[in-house]
Amino acid sequence: PGPVTRHLDAKGYEVTTGIGPDLMAGAREAVAQMVDLLAGRYKIDPVEAYMLASVCGDLRISEIVDMPNWVVSFYFPRCVFE
């Protein structure tokens, strides 16, 4: 849905983080954790969770100052499940 903005804040977000030796490793970890979270918490198939994450999620670089530990966060708006 684009950048995290106030119009979606009413329900909040599910957020996962990935920490890795490079941004891609951190991104993969954050996405994998989000798929697991969505599948477990909302009782949906992991493939469906992955599709929802790819359409509705927002992947962000959260920290790059502590090389080589890059932090990437994945935001998923809870309003998707209304």
PDB file of N, CA and C in Angstrom:
ATOM      1  N   PRO A   1       0.794  -1.202   0.000  1.00  0.00           N
ATOM      2  CA  PRO A   1       0.000   0.000   0.000  1.00  0.00           C
ATOM      3  C   PRO A   1       0.834   1.264   0.000  1.00  0.00           C
ATOM      4  N   GLY A   2       2.116   1.195  -0.224  1.00  0.00           N
ATOM      5  CA  GLY A   2       2.955   2.384  -0.205  1.00  0.00           C
ATOM      6  C   GLY A   2       3.574   2.597   1.157  1.00  0.00           C
ATOM      7  N   PRO A   3       4.022   3.796   1.422  1.00  0.00           N
ATOM      8  CA  PRO A   3       4.704   4.066   2.693  1.00  0.00           C
ATOM      9  C   PRO A   3       3.756   3.961   3.880  1.00  0.00           C
ATOM     10  N   VAL A   4       4.335   3.671   5.038  1.00  0.00           N
ATOM     11  CA  VAL A   4       3.539   3.605   6.257  1.00  0.00           C
ATOM     12  C   VAL A   4       3.046   5.010   6.573  1.00  0.00           C
ATOM     13  N   THR A   5       1.729   5.183   6.548  1.00  0.00           N
ATOM     14  CA  THR A   5       1.149   6.500   6.793  1.00  0.00           C
ATOM     15  C   THR A   5       0.045   6.400   7.824  1.00  0.00           C
ATOM     16  N   ARG A   6      -0.415   7.523   8.316  1.00  0.00           N
ATOM     17  CA  ARG A   6      -1.396   7.556   9.385  1.00  0.00           C
ATOM     18  C   ARG A   6      -2.756   6.994   8.984  1.00  0.00           C
ATOM     19  N   HIS A   7      -3.101   6.995   7.720  1.00  0.00           N
ATOM     20  CA  HIS A   7      -4.429   6.513   7.342  1.00  0.00           C
ATOM     21  C   HIS A   7      -4.599   5.015   7.578  1.00  0.00           C
ATOM     22  N   LEU A   8      -3.531   4.278   7.767  1.00  0.00           N
ATOM     23  CA  LEU A   8      -3.624   2.850   8.060  1.00  0.00           C
ATOM     24  C   LEU A   8      -3.316   2.530   9.521  1.00  0.00           C
ATOM     25  N   ASP A   9      -2.976   3.522  10.306  1.00  0.00           N
ATOM     26  CA  ASP A   9      -2.515   3.281  11.665  1.00  0.00           C
ATOM     27  C   ASP A   9      -3.586   2.811  12.632  1.00  0.00           C
ATOM     28  N   ALA A  10      -4.858   2.940  12.310  1.00  0.00           N
ATOM     29  CA  ALA A  10      -5.925   2.620  13.259  1.00  0.00           C
ATOM     30  C   ALA A  10      -5.810   1.188  13.776  1.00  0.00           C
ATOM     31  N   LYS A  11      -5.526   0.251  12.939  1.00  0.00           N
ATOM     32  CA  LYS A  11      -5.384  -1.153  13.345  1.00  0.00           C
ATOM     33  C   LYS A  11      -3.936  -1.531  13.642  1.00  0.00           C
ATOM     34  N   GLY A  12      -3.005  -0.711  13.214  1.00  0.00           N
ATOM     35  CA  GLY A  12      -1.594  -1.005  13.463  1.00  0.00           C
ATOM     36  C   GLY A  12      -1.002  -1.951  12.433  1.00  0.00           C
ATOM     37  N   TYR A  13       0.174  -2.438  12.743  1.00  0.00           N
ATOM     38  CA  TYR A  13       0.934  -3.269  11.817  1.00  0.00           C
ATOM     39  C   TYR A  13       1.496  -4.490  12.522  1.00  0.00           C
ATOM     40  N   GLU A  14       1.645  -5.552  11.784  1.00  0.00           N
ATOM     41  CA  GLU A  14       2.482  -6.668  12.204  1.00  0.00           C
ATOM     42  C   GLU A  14       3.867  -6.313  11.668  1.00  0.00           C
ATOM     43  N   VAL A  15       4.908  -6.498  12.481  1.00  0.00           N
ATOM     44  CA  VAL A  15       6.254  -6.123  12.054  1.00  0.00           C
ATOM     45  C   VAL A  15       7.230  -7.240  12.400  1.00  0.00           C
ATOM     46  N   THR A  16       8.061  -7.583  11.437  1.00  0.00           N
ATOM     47  CA  THR A  16       9.146  -8.529  11.684  1.00  0.00           C
ATOM     48  C   THR A  16      10.450  -7.874  11.255  1.00  0.00           C
ATOM     49  N   THR A  17      11.551  -8.384  11.779  1.00  0.00           N
ATOM     50  CA  THR A  17      12.855  -7.844  11.405  1.00  0.00           C
ATOM     51  C   THR A  17      13.783  -8.971  10.989  1.00  0.00           C
ATOM     52  N   GLY A  18      14.712  -8.612  10.145  1.00  0.00           N
ATOM     53  CA  GLY A  18      15.760  -9.530   9.733  1.00  0.00           C
ATOM     54  C   GLY A  18      17.097  -8.853   9.919  1.00  0.00           C
ATOM     55  N   ILE A  19      18.023  -9.572  10.495  1.00  0.00           N
ATOM     56  CA  ILE A  19      19.368  -9.043  10.712  1.00  0.00           C
ATOM     57  C   ILE A  19      20.322  -9.976   9.996  1.00  0.00           C
ATOM     58  N   GLY A  20      21.128  -9.414   9.116  1.00  0.00           N
ATOM     59  CA  GLY A  20      22.019 -10.265   8.353  1.00  0.00           C
ATOM     60  C   GLY A  20      23.277  -9.551   7.915  1.00  0.00           C
ATOM     61  N   PRO A  21      24.195 -10.312   7.327  1.00  0.00           N
ATOM     62  CA  PRO A  21      25.470  -9.752   6.892  1.00  0.00           C
ATOM     63  C   PRO A  21      25.342  -8.841   5.675  1.00  0.00           C
ATOM     64  N   ASP A  22      24.205  -8.884   5.024  1.00  0.00           N
ATOM     65  CA  ASP A  22      23.933  -7.954   3.929  1.00  0.00           C
ATOM     66  C   ASP A  22      22.434  -7.677   3.893  1.00  0.00           C
ATOM     67  N   LEU A  23      22.045  -6.688   3.131  1.00  0.00           N
ATOM     68  CA  LEU A  23      20.639  -6.292   3.091  1.00  0.00           C
ATOM     69  C   LEU A  23      19.731  -7.387   2.550  1.00  0.00           C
ATOM     70  N   MET A  24      20.200  -8.127   1.567  1.00  0.00           N
ATOM     71  CA  MET A  24      19.374  -9.192   0.994  1.00  0.00           C
ATOM     72  C   MET A  24      19.104 -10.293   2.010  1.00  0.00           C
ATOM     73  N   ALA A  25      20.111 -10.668   2.792  1.00  0.00           N
ATOM     74  CA  ALA A  25      19.916 -11.695   3.824  1.00  0.00           C
ATOM     75  C   ALA A  25      18.924 -11.202   4.872  1.00  0.00           C
ATOM     76  N   GLY A  26      19.043  -9.946   5.274  1.00  0.00           N
ATOM     77  CA  GLY A  26      18.106  -9.370   6.232  1.00  0.00           C
ATOM     78  C   GLY A  26      16.698  -9.312   5.676  1.00  0.00           C
ATOM     79  N   ALA A  27      16.575  -8.954   4.409  1.00  0.00           N
ATOM     80  CA  ALA A  27      15.259  -8.892   3.769  1.00  0.00           C
ATOM     81  C   ALA A  27      14.628 -10.275   3.695  1.00  0.00           C
ATOM     82  N   ARG A  28      15.410 -11.271   3.313  1.00  0.00           N
ATOM     83  CA  ARG A  28      14.883 -12.638   3.246  1.00  0.00           C
ATOM     84  C   ARG A  28      14.399 -13.107   4.613  1.00  0.00           C
ATOM     85  N   GLU A  29      15.176 -12.811   5.658  1.00  0.00           N
ATOM     86  CA  GLU A  29      14.794 -13.211   7.011  1.00  0.00           C
ATOM     87  C   GLU A  29      13.506 -12.513   7.456  1.00  0.00           C
ATOM     88  N   ALA A  30      13.406 -11.209   7.205  1.00  0.00           N
ATOM     89  CA  ALA A  30      12.209 -10.458   7.605  1.00  0.00           C
ATOM     90  C   ALA A  30      10.964 -10.972   6.884  1.00  0.00           C
ATOM     91  N   VAL A  31      11.082 -11.254   5.600  1.00  0.00           N
ATOM     92  CA  VAL A  31       9.941 -11.763   4.832  1.00  0.00           C
ATOM     93  C   VAL A  31       9.561 -13.162   5.311  1.00  0.00           C
ATOM     94  N   ALA A  32      10.543 -14.026   5.518  1.00  0.00           N
ATOM     95  CA  ALA A  32      10.257 -15.385   5.985  1.00  0.00           C
ATOM     96  C   ALA A  32       9.563 -15.360   7.343  1.00  0.00           C
ATOM     97  N   GLN A  33      10.018 -14.489   8.234  1.00  0.00           N
ATOM     98  CA  GLN A  33       9.379 -14.382   9.545  1.00  0.00           C
ATOM     99  C   GLN A  33       7.948 -13.861   9.418  1.00  0.00           C
ATOM    100  N   MET A  34       7.715 -12.937   8.492  1.00  0.00           N
ATOM    101  CA  MET A  34       6.359 -12.416   8.308  1.00  0.00           C
ATOM    102  C   MET A  34       5.435 -13.498   7.760  1.00  0.00           C
ATOM    103  N   VAL A  35       5.907 -14.282   6.826  1.00  0.00           N
ATOM    104  CA  VAL A  35       5.094 -15.374   6.287  1.00  0.00           C
ATOM    105  C   VAL A  35       4.723 -16.339   7.408  1.00  0.00           C
ATOM    106  N   ASP A  36       5.687 -16.685   8.251  1.00  0.00           N
ATOM    107  CA  ASP A  36       5.408 -17.570   9.388  1.00  0.00           C
ATOM    108  C   ASP A  36       4.410 -16.937  10.347  1.00  0.00           C
ATOM    109  N   LEU A  37       4.579 -15.649  10.631  1.00  0.00           N
ATOM    110  CA  LEU A  37       3.679 -14.951  11.552  1.00  0.00           C
ATOM    111  C   LEU A  37       2.254 -14.919  11.006  1.00  0.00           C
ATOM    112  N   LEU A  38       2.102 -14.540   9.746  1.00  0.00           N
ATOM    113  CA  LEU A  38       0.765 -14.455   9.151  1.00  0.00           C
ATOM    114  C   LEU A  38       0.094 -15.825   9.096  1.00  0.00           C
ATOM    115  N   ALA A  39       0.846 -16.842   8.700  1.00  0.00           N
ATOM    116  CA  ALA A  39       0.281 -18.187   8.609  1.00  0.00           C
ATOM    117  C   ALA A  39      -0.148 -18.690   9.983  1.00  0.00           C
ATOM    118  N   GLY A  40       0.659 -18.440  10.997  1.00  0.00           N
ATOM    119  CA  GLY A  40       0.334 -18.910  12.338  1.00  0.00           C
ATOM    120  C   GLY A  40      -0.752 -18.110  13.024  1.00  0.00           C
ATOM    121  N   ARG A  41      -0.643 -16.805  12.996  1.00  0.00           N
ATOM    122  CA  ARG A  41      -1.582 -15.947  13.722  1.00  0.00           C
ATOM    123  C   ARG A  41      -2.952 -15.887  13.060  1.00  0.00           C
ATOM    124  N   TYR A  42      -2.979 -15.859  11.735  1.00  0.00           N
ATOM    125  CA  TYR A  42      -4.245 -15.703  11.028  1.00  0.00           C
ATOM    126  C   TYR A  42      -4.745 -17.012  10.413  1.00  0.00           C
ATOM    127  N   LYS A  43      -4.055 -18.104  10.691  1.00  0.00           N
ATOM    128  CA  LYS A  43      -4.480 -19.448  10.260  1.00  0.00           C
ATOM    129  C   LYS A  43      -4.730 -19.531   8.757  1.00  0.00           C
ATOM    130  N   ILE A  44      -3.744 -19.060   7.999  1.00  0.00           N
ATOM    131  CA  ILE A  44      -3.834 -19.164   6.545  1.00  0.00           C
ATOM    132  C   ILE A  44      -2.667 -20.005   6.045  1.00  0.00           C
ATOM    133  N   ASP A  45      -2.807 -20.509   4.843  1.00  0.00           N
ATOM    134  CA  ASP A  45      -1.771 -21.316   4.221  1.00  0.00           C
ATOM    135  C   ASP A  45      -0.512 -20.464   4.010  1.00  0.00           C
ATOM    136  N   PRO A  46       0.689 -21.034   4.218  1.00  0.00           N
ATOM    137  CA  PRO A  46       1.917 -20.255   4.008  1.00  0.00           C
ATOM    138  C   PRO A  46       2.042 -19.650   2.610  1.00  0.00           C
ATOM    139  N   VAL A  47       1.540 -20.337   1.595  1.00  0.00           N
ATOM    140  CA  VAL A  47       1.589 -19.782   0.232  1.00  0.00           C
ATOM    141  C   VAL A  47       0.708 -18.537   0.141  1.00  0.00           C
ATOM    142  N   GLU A  48      -0.476 -18.590   0.749  1.00  0.00           N
ATOM    143  CA  GLU A  48      -1.353 -17.417   0.771  1.00  0.00           C
ATOM    144  C   GLU A  48      -0.717 -16.290   1.577  1.00  0.00           C
ATOM    145  N   ALA A  49      -0.062 -16.628   2.682  1.00  0.00           N
ATOM    146  CA  ALA A  49       0.620 -15.618   3.496  1.00  0.00           C
ATOM    147  C   ALA A  49       1.720 -14.938   2.683  1.00  0.00           C
ATOM    148  N   TYR A  50       2.454 -15.715   1.900  1.00  0.00           N
ATOM    149  CA  TYR A  50       3.515 -15.157   1.063  1.00  0.00           C
ATOM    150  C   TYR A  50       2.937 -14.224  -0.001  1.00  0.00           C
ATOM    151  N   MET A  51       1.825 -14.629  -0.603  1.00  0.00           N
ATOM    152  CA  MET A  51       1.191 -13.775  -1.617  1.00  0.00           C
ATOM    153  C   MET A  51       0.695 -12.471  -0.998  1.00  0.00           C
ATOM    154  N   LEU A  52       0.047 -12.551   0.168  1.00  0.00           N
ATOM    155  CA  LEU A  52      -0.415 -11.336   0.847  1.00  0.00           C
ATOM    156  C   LEU A  52       0.756 -10.428   1.201  1.00  0.00           C
ATOM    157  N   ALA A  53       1.824 -11.023   1.706  1.00  0.00           N
ATOM    158  CA  ALA A  53       2.999 -10.233   2.078  1.00  0.00           C
ATOM    159  C   ALA A  53       3.581  -9.520   0.857  1.00  0.00           C
ATOM    160  N   SER A  54       3.603 -10.205  -0.275  1.00  0.00           N
ATOM    161  CA  SER A  54       4.188  -9.592  -1.469  1.00  0.00           C
ATOM    162  C   SER A  54       3.336  -8.454  -2.015  1.00  0.00           C
ATOM    163  N   VAL A  55       2.028  -8.505  -1.781  1.00  0.00           N
ATOM    164  CA  VAL A  55       1.128  -7.476  -2.296  1.00  0.00           C
ATOM    165  C   VAL A  55       0.955  -6.317  -1.315  1.00  0.00           C
ATOM    166  N   CYS A  56       0.855  -6.621  -0.024  1.00  0.00           N
ATOM    167  CA  CYS A  56       0.470  -5.613   0.970  1.00  0.00           C
ATOM    168  C   CYS A  56       1.601  -5.158   1.881  1.00  0.00           C
ATOM    169  N   GLY A  57       2.713  -5.846   1.870  1.00  0.00           N
ATOM    170  CA  GLY A  57       3.787  -5.536   2.813  1.00  0.00           C
ATOM    171  C   GLY A  57       4.663  -4.378   2.386  1.00  0.00           C
ATOM    172  N   ASP A  58       5.392  -3.861   3.362  1.00  0.00           N
ATOM    173  CA  ASP A  58       6.306  -2.745   3.137  1.00  0.00           C
ATOM    174  C   ASP A  58       7.646  -3.109   3.761  1.00  0.00           C
ATOM    175  N   LEU A  59       8.647  -3.357   2.933  1.00  0.00           N
ATOM    176  CA  LEU A  59       9.980  -3.739   3.381  1.00  0.00           C
ATOM    177  C   LEU A  59      10.828  -2.487   3.503  1.00  0.00           C
ATOM    178  N   ARG A  60      11.460  -2.306   4.665  1.00  0.00           N
ATOM    179  CA  ARG A  60      12.232  -1.085   4.906  1.00  0.00           C
ATOM    180  C   ARG A  60      13.609  -1.397   5.469  1.00  0.00           C
ATOM    181  N   ILE A  61      14.572  -0.602   5.082  1.00  0.00           N
ATOM    182  CA  ILE A  61      15.892  -0.672   5.704  1.00  0.00           C
ATOM    183  C   ILE A  61      15.797   0.102   7.009  1.00  0.00           C
ATOM    184  N   SER A  62      16.060  -0.577   8.127  1.00  0.00           N
ATOM    185  CA  SER A  62      15.908   0.057   9.436  1.00  0.00           C
ATOM    186  C   SER A  62      17.225   0.547  10.012  1.00  0.00           C
ATOM    187  N   GLU A  63      18.301  -0.151   9.698  1.00  0.00           N
ATOM    188  CA  GLU A  63      19.585   0.258  10.266  1.00  0.00           C
ATOM    189  C   GLU A  63      20.722  -0.227   9.381  1.00  0.00           C
ATOM    190  N   ILE A  64      21.646   0.689   9.084  1.00  0.00           N
ATOM    191  CA  ILE A  64      22.812   0.315   8.282  1.00  0.00           C
ATOM    192  C   ILE A  64      24.116   0.751   8.935  1.00  0.00           C
ATOM    193  N   VAL A  65      24.034   1.297  10.128  1.00  0.00           N
ATOM    194  CA  VAL A  65      25.237   1.857  10.749  1.00  0.00           C
ATOM    195  C   VAL A  65      26.091   0.819  11.465  1.00  0.00           C
ATOM    196  N   ASP A  66      25.537  -0.341  11.781  1.00  0.00           N
ATOM    197  CA  ASP A  66      26.286  -1.358  12.517  1.00  0.00           C
ATOM    198  C   ASP A  66      26.790  -2.460  11.596  1.00  0.00           C
ATOM    199  N   MET A  67      27.575  -2.058  10.589  1.00  0.00           N
ATOM    200  CA  MET A  67      28.113  -3.060   9.671  1.00  0.00           C
ATOM    201  C   MET A  67      28.881  -4.099  10.466  1.00  0.00           C
ATOM    202  N   PRO A  68      28.771  -5.354  10.151  1.00  0.00           N
ATOM    203  CA  PRO A  68      28.047  -5.943   9.025  1.00  0.00           C
ATOM    204  C   PRO A  68      26.646  -6.420   9.393  1.00  0.00           C
ATOM    205  N   ASN A  69      26.052  -5.878  10.427  1.00  0.00           N
ATOM    206  CA  ASN A  69      24.720  -6.311  10.860  1.00  0.00           C
ATOM    207  C   ASN A  69      23.658  -5.342  10.363  1.00  0.00           C
ATOM    208  N   TRP A  70      23.127  -5.612   9.187  1.00  0.00           N
ATOM    209  CA  TRP A  70      22.097  -4.786   8.590  1.00  0.00           C
ATOM    210  C   TRP A  70      20.743  -5.213   9.139  1.00  0.00           C
ATOM    211  N   VAL A  71      19.878  -4.249   9.429  1.00  0.00           N
ATOM    212  CA  VAL A  71      18.549  -4.554   9.958  1.00  0.00           C
ATOM    213  C   VAL A  71      17.499  -4.112   8.939  1.00  0.00           C
ATOM    214  N   VAL A  72      16.640  -5.046   8.581  1.00  0.00           N
ATOM    215  CA  VAL A  72      15.557  -4.785   7.643  1.00  0.00           C
ATOM    216  C   VAL A  72      14.245  -5.120   8.353  1.00  0.00           C
ATOM    217  N   SER A  73      13.241  -4.258   8.213  1.00  0.00           N
ATOM    218  CA  SER A  73      11.935  -4.484   8.843  1.00  0.00           C
ATOM    219  C   SER A  73      10.873  -4.669   7.769  1.00  0.00           C
ATOM    220  N   PHE A  74       9.916  -5.528   8.084  1.00  0.00           N
ATOM    221  CA  PHE A  74       8.802  -5.781   7.174  1.00  0.00           C
ATOM    222  C   PHE A  74       7.517  -5.404   7.895  1.00  0.00           C
ATOM    223  N   TYR A  75       6.765  -4.454   7.344  1.00  0.00           N
ATOM    224  CA  TYR A  75       5.513  -3.968   7.930  1.00  0.00           C
ATOM    225  C   TYR A  75       4.341  -4.523   7.132  1.00  0.00           C
ATOM    226  N   PHE A  76       3.361  -5.064   7.849  1.00  0.00           N
ATOM    227  CA  PHE A  76       2.156  -5.579   7.207  1.00  0.00           C
ATOM    228  C   PHE A  76       0.950  -4.979   7.915  1.00  0.00           C
ATOM    229  N   PRO A  77       0.092  -4.221   7.209  1.00  0.00           N
ATOM    230  CA  PRO A  77      -1.051  -3.567   7.857  1.00  0.00           C
ATOM    231  C   PRO A  77      -2.119  -4.574   8.293  1.00  0.00           C
ATOM    232  N   ARG A  78      -2.515  -4.486   9.554  1.00  0.00           N
ATOM    233  CA  ARG A  78      -3.540  -5.395  10.091  1.00  0.00           C
ATOM    234  C   ARG A  78      -4.906  -5.174   9.449  1.00  0.00           C
ATOM    235  N   CYS A  79      -5.141  -3.983   8.902  1.00  0.00           N
ATOM    236  CA  CYS A  79      -6.446  -3.694   8.296  1.00  0.00           C
ATOM    237  C   CYS A  79      -6.750  -4.614   7.115  1.00  0.00           C
ATOM    238  N   VAL A  80      -5.759  -5.295   6.583  1.00  0.00           N
ATOM    239  CA  VAL A  80      -5.976  -6.233   5.478  1.00  0.00           C
ATOM    240  C   VAL A  80      -6.929  -7.352   5.900  1.00  0.00           C
ATOM    241  N   PHE A  81      -6.929  -7.708   7.180  1.00  0.00           N
ATOM    242  CA  PHE A  81      -7.747  -8.823   7.653  1.00  0.00           C
ATOM    243  C   PHE A  81      -9.108  -8.397   8.184  1.00  0.00           C
ATOM    244  N   GLU A  82      -9.522  -7.163   7.924  1.00  0.00           N
ATOM    245  CA  GLU A  82     -10.859  -6.718   8.348  1.00  0.00           C
ATOM    246  C   GLU A  82     -11.924  -7.289   7.446  1.00  0.00           C
TER     247      GLU A  82
END
